[in-house]
Amino acid sequence: MVLASAVLMLILLGIVVLAARSGVRRQRQRDLVLSQRWAQIQSQAHTMPDAGLAQVANVYQPARRGSKAEIVWLATGYRQDTWFAYNWPRAGSIVLLRGSTGWGPHNQNPNVFYVAPNQILSLLPPDTMAAVRRQQQRDAQGVGR
């Protein structure tokens, strides 16, 4: 009975180790893909002078026809109220977008950035920058090759 318990424990331990290694591999692969997508979106931004890269700092009012959010322009750090018409990006998302600045009647702000549905050119998930940092660390250490 003791031997059977020990064998069962070893089998369970093996399963846990394999699952953990598989999770690490998946995380590394996702980090690599997001790093590559981040490089692509930066390159794309350089070829489009009328577009900008921003991170959605927070979404303060999701609505039926879009969402009100605050973005941070990555080039300048400037924070700006934004209306995403018929789009609902999550906080932390990275967006390459176009739009126009105008009056915001909901908050009496003359500097609201309006983004139409077709003006989001690329969108990366909220965990992109953390993935890029992890991948850069791996690259610098020569890990994961």
C-alpha atoms as a PDB file:
ATOM      1  CA  MET A   1       0.000   0.000   0.000  1.00  0.00           C
ATOM      2  CA  VAL A   2       2.830   2.400   0.861  1.00  0.00           C
ATOM      3  CA  LEU A   3       4.560   1.554  -2.429  1.00  0.00           C
ATOM      4  CA  ALA A   4       1.367   2.251  -4.397  1.00  0.00           C
ATOM      5  CA  SER A   5       0.983   5.625  -2.649  1.00  0.00           C
ATOM      6  CA  ALA A   6       4.593   6.520  -3.407  1.00  0.00           C
ATOM      7  CA  VAL A   7       4.183   5.569  -7.080  1.00  0.00           C
ATOM      8  CA  LEU A   8       0.962   7.571  -7.296  1.00  0.00           C
ATOM      9  CA  MET A   9       2.696  10.582  -5.727  1.00  0.00           C
ATOM     10  CA  LEU A  10       5.567  10.312  -8.224  1.00  0.00           C
ATOM     11  CA  ILE A  11       3.115  10.123 -11.125  1.00  0.00           C
ATOM     12  CA  LEU A  12       1.228  13.179  -9.831  1.00  0.00           C
ATOM     13  CA  LEU A  13       4.488  15.054  -9.321  1.00  0.00           C
ATOM     14  CA  GLY A  14       5.512  14.230 -12.893  1.00  0.00           C
ATOM     15  CA  ILE A  15       2.203  15.519 -14.216  1.00  0.00           C
ATOM     16  CA  VAL A  16       2.587  18.767 -12.254  1.00  0.00           C
ATOM     17  CA  VAL A  17       6.159  19.269 -13.526  1.00  0.00           C
ATOM     18  CA  LEU A  18       5.109  18.629 -17.133  1.00  0.00           C
ATOM     19  CA  ALA A  19       2.172  21.021 -16.822  1.00  0.00           C
ATOM     20  CA  ALA A  20       4.417  23.726 -15.348  1.00  0.00           C
ATOM     21  CA  ARG A  21       6.993  23.337 -18.128  1.00  0.00           C
ATOM     22  CA  SER A  22       4.237  23.471 -20.729  1.00  0.00           C
ATOM     23  CA  GLY A  23       2.882  26.668 -19.159  1.00  0.00           C
ATOM     24  CA  VAL A  24       6.343  28.250 -19.225  1.00  0.00           C
ATOM     25  CA  ARG A  25       6.746  27.326 -22.898  1.00  0.00           C
ATOM     26  CA  ARG A  26       3.348  28.814 -23.750  1.00  0.00           C
ATOM     27  CA  GLN A  27       4.201  32.018 -21.859  1.00  0.00           C
ATOM     28  CA  ARG A  28       7.524  32.325 -23.666  1.00  0.00           C
ATOM     29  CA  GLN A  29       5.858  31.772 -27.042  1.00  0.00           C
ATOM     30  CA  ARG A  30       3.187  34.384 -26.272  1.00  0.00           C
ATOM     31  CA  ASP A  31       5.864  36.842 -25.121  1.00  0.00           C
ATOM     32  CA  LEU A  32       7.771  36.319 -28.368  1.00  0.00           C
ATOM     33  CA  VAL A  33       4.644  36.822 -30.509  1.00  0.00           C
ATOM     34  CA  LEU A  34       3.612  39.983 -28.627  1.00  0.00           C
ATOM     35  CA  SER A  35       7.176  41.331 -28.877  1.00  0.00           C
ATOM     36  CA  GLN A  36       7.113  40.805 -32.619  1.00  0.00           C
ATOM     37  CA  ARG A  37       3.688  42.429 -32.912  1.00  0.00           C
ATOM     38  CA  TRP A  38       4.930  45.376 -30.820  1.00  0.00           C
ATOM     39  CA  ALA A  39       7.887  45.826 -33.210  1.00  0.00           C
ATOM     40  CA  GLN A  40       5.511  45.668 -36.185  1.00  0.00           C
ATOM     41  CA  ILE A  41       3.115  48.249 -34.768  1.00  0.00           C
ATOM     42  CA  GLN A  42       6.023  50.611 -34.009  1.00  0.00           C
ATOM     43  CA  SER A  43       7.271  50.221 -37.564  1.00  0.00           C
ATOM     44  CA  GLN A  44       3.760  50.785 -38.894  1.00  0.00           C
ATOM     45  CA  ALA A  45       3.441  53.952 -36.780  1.00  0.00           C
ATOM     46  CA  HIS A  46       6.623  55.403 -38.314  1.00  0.00           C
ATOM     47  CA  THR A  47       5.134  55.077 -41.795  1.00  0.00           C
ATOM     48  CA  MET A  48       1.879  56.831 -40.828  1.00  0.00           C
ATOM     49  CA  PRO A  49       2.502  60.408 -39.732  1.00  0.00           C
ATOM     50  CA  ASP A  50      -1.238  60.973 -39.208  1.00  0.00           C
ATOM     51  CA  ALA A  51      -1.511  58.088 -36.714  1.00  0.00           C
ATOM     52  CA  GLY A  52      -0.248  57.746 -33.159  1.00  0.00           C
ATOM     53  CA  LEU A  53       0.498  55.061 -30.608  1.00  0.00           C
ATOM     54  CA  ALA A  54      -1.328  55.258 -27.308  1.00  0.00           C
ATOM     55  CA  GLN A  55      -2.111  53.095 -24.316  1.00  0.00           C
ATOM     56  CA  VAL A  56      -5.611  53.008 -22.887  1.00  0.00           C
ATOM     57  CA  ALA A  57      -5.027  54.200 -19.317  1.00  0.00           C
ATOM     58  CA  ASN A  58      -8.568  53.531 -18.147  1.00  0.00           C
ATOM     59  CA  VAL A  59     -12.042  53.046 -19.482  1.00  0.00           C
ATOM     60  CA  TYR A  60     -14.364  55.108 -17.348  1.00  0.00           C
ATOM     61  CA  GLN A  61     -17.643  54.606 -19.170  1.00  0.00           C
ATOM     62  CA  PRO A  62     -18.408  51.681 -21.450  1.00  0.00           C
ATOM     63  CA  ALA A  63     -21.635  52.385 -23.305  1.00  0.00           C
ATOM     64  CA  ARG A  64     -23.825  50.784 -25.946  1.00  0.00           C
ATOM     65  CA  ARG A  65     -22.282  52.821 -28.776  1.00  0.00           C
ATOM     66  CA  GLY A  66     -18.670  52.907 -27.628  1.00  0.00           C
ATOM     67  CA  SER A  67     -16.576  53.794 -24.641  1.00  0.00           C
ATOM     68  CA  LYS A  68     -15.191  56.832 -22.922  1.00  0.00           C
ATOM     69  CA  ALA A  69     -11.600  56.339 -21.919  1.00  0.00           C
ATOM     70  CA  GLU A  70      -8.413  58.113 -21.099  1.00  0.00           C
ATOM     71  CA  ILE A  71      -5.404  57.382 -23.284  1.00  0.00           C
ATOM     72  CA  VAL A  72      -1.727  58.160 -22.839  1.00  0.00           C
ATOM     73  CA  TRP A  73       0.154  59.048 -26.009  1.00  0.00           C
ATOM     74  CA  LEU A  74       3.309  56.928 -25.936  1.00  0.00           C
ATOM     75  CA  ALA A  75       5.461  59.507 -27.753  1.00  0.00           C
ATOM     76  CA  THR A  76       4.735  62.328 -25.285  1.00  0.00           C
ATOM     77  CA  GLY A  77       3.090  60.892 -22.165  1.00  0.00           C
ATOM     78  CA  TYR A  78       0.172  63.294 -22.708  1.00  0.00           C
ATOM     79  CA  ARG A  79      -3.126  62.030 -21.247  1.00  0.00           C
ATOM     80  CA  GLN A  80      -6.278  62.702 -23.228  1.00  0.00           C
ATOM     81  CA  ASP A  81      -9.962  61.983 -22.826  1.00  0.00           C
ATOM     82  CA  THR A  82     -11.085  59.809 -25.737  1.00  0.00           C
ATOM     83  CA  TRP A  83     -14.348  58.597 -27.239  1.00  0.00           C
ATOM     84  CA  PHE A  84     -14.059  55.255 -29.031  1.00  0.00           C
ATOM     85  CA  ALA A  85     -17.163  55.043 -31.231  1.00  0.00           C
ATOM     86  CA  TYR A  86     -18.371  51.439 -31.463  1.00  0.00           C
ATOM     87  CA  ASN A  87     -15.142  50.154 -29.933  1.00  0.00           C
ATOM     88  CA  TRP A  88     -14.469  48.944 -26.428  1.00  0.00           C
ATOM     89  CA  PRO A  89     -10.704  48.610 -25.889  1.00  0.00           C
ATOM     90  CA  ARG A  90      -9.649  47.291 -22.507  1.00  0.00           C
ATOM     91  CA  ALA A  91      -7.539  49.294 -20.078  1.00  0.00           C
ATOM     92  CA  GLY A  92      -3.870  48.677 -20.791  1.00  0.00           C
ATOM     93  CA  SER A  93      -4.398  47.984 -24.501  1.00  0.00           C
ATOM     94  CA  ILE A  94      -1.972  49.521 -26.956  1.00  0.00           C
ATOM     95  CA  VAL A  95      -3.611  51.187 -29.968  1.00  0.00           C
ATOM     96  CA  LEU A  96      -2.336  52.625 -33.196  1.00  0.00           C
ATOM     97  CA  LEU A  97      -5.042  55.083 -34.134  1.00  0.00           C
ATOM     98  CA  ARG A  98      -6.190  58.115 -35.972  1.00  0.00           C
ATOM     99  CA  GLY A  99      -8.849  60.526 -34.874  1.00  0.00           C
ATOM    100  CA  SER A 100      -9.694  64.145 -34.336  1.00  0.00           C
ATOM    101  CA  THR A 101      -9.876  66.462 -31.363  1.00  0.00           C
ATOM    102  CA  GLY A 102     -13.080  68.265 -30.504  1.00  0.00           C
ATOM    103  CA  TRP A 103     -15.541  69.440 -27.872  1.00  0.00           C
ATOM    104  CA  GLY A 104     -16.665  66.891 -25.286  1.00  0.00           C
ATOM    105  CA  PRO A 105     -20.177  67.838 -24.136  1.00  0.00           C
ATOM    106  CA  HIS A 106     -20.202  65.110 -21.465  1.00  0.00           C
ATOM    107  CA  ASN A 107     -17.379  66.756 -19.525  1.00  0.00           C
ATOM    108  CA  GLN A 108     -17.171  70.259 -21.083  1.00  0.00           C
ATOM    109  CA  ASN A 109     -13.685  69.372 -22.325  1.00  0.00           C
ATOM    110  CA  PRO A 110     -12.584  71.101 -25.543  1.00  0.00           C
ATOM    111  CA  ASN A 111      -9.817  68.550 -26.075  1.00  0.00           C
ATOM    112  CA  VAL A 112     -11.565  65.152 -26.410  1.00  0.00           C
ATOM    113  CA  PHE A 113     -10.022  62.800 -28.968  1.00  0.00           C
ATOM    114  CA  TYR A 114     -12.700  61.176 -31.152  1.00  0.00           C
ATOM    115  CA  VAL A 115     -11.942  57.797 -32.748  1.00  0.00           C
ATOM    116  CA  ALA A 116     -14.307  56.386 -35.389  1.00  0.00           C
ATOM    117  CA  PRO A 117     -14.641  52.593 -35.782  1.00  0.00           C
ATOM    118  CA  ASN A 118     -12.273  52.424 -38.749  1.00  0.00           C
ATOM    119  CA  GLN A 119      -9.624  54.619 -37.097  1.00  0.00           C
ATOM    120  CA  ILE A 120      -8.192  51.932 -34.839  1.00  0.00           C
ATOM    121  CA  LEU A 121      -5.453  50.642 -37.109  1.00  0.00           C
ATOM    122  CA  SER A 122      -3.937  48.075 -34.717  1.00  0.00           C
ATOM    123  CA  LEU A 123      -4.749  46.903 -31.219  1.00  0.00           C
ATOM    124  CA  LEU A 124      -2.537  44.929 -28.848  1.00  0.00           C
ATOM    125  CA  PRO A 125      -3.767  43.329 -25.604  1.00  0.00           C
ATOM    126  CA  PRO A 126      -3.188  44.854 -22.165  1.00  0.00           C
ATOM    127  CA  ASP A 127      -0.316  42.518 -21.239  1.00  0.00           C
ATOM    128  CA  THR A 128       1.793  43.461 -24.274  1.00  0.00           C
ATOM    129  CA  MET A 129       4.320  45.706 -22.541  1.00  0.00           C
ATOM    130  CA  ALA A 130       4.953  43.169 -19.763  1.00  0.00           C
ATOM    131  CA  ALA A 131       5.487  40.488 -22.427  1.00  0.00           C
ATOM    132  CA  VAL A 132       7.901  42.758 -24.313  1.00  0.00           C
ATOM    133  CA  ARG A 133       9.909  43.390 -21.114  1.00  0.00           C
ATOM    134  CA  ARG A 134      10.119  39.655 -20.352  1.00  0.00           C
ATOM    135  CA  GLN A 135      11.205  38.892 -23.911  1.00  0.00           C
ATOM    136  CA  GLN A 136      13.833  41.646 -23.840  1.00  0.00           C
ATOM    137  CA  GLN A 137      15.223  40.184 -20.599  1.00  0.00           C
ATOM    138  CA  ARG A 138      15.370  36.719 -22.168  1.00  0.00           C
ATOM    139  CA  ASP A 139      17.067  38.131 -25.269  1.00  0.00           C
ATOM    140  CA  ALA A 140      19.624  39.992 -23.154  1.00  0.00           C
ATOM    141  CA  GLN A 141      20.373  36.850 -21.138  1.00  0.00           C
ATOM    142  CA  GLY A 142      20.355  34.550 -24.181  1.00  0.00           C
ATOM    143  CA  VAL A 143      17.542  32.481 -22.606  1.00  0.00           C
ATOM    144  CA  GLY A 144      14.914  30.602 -24.588  1.00  0.00           C
ATOM    145  CA  ARG A 145      16.848  30.085 -27.786  1.00  0.00           C
END
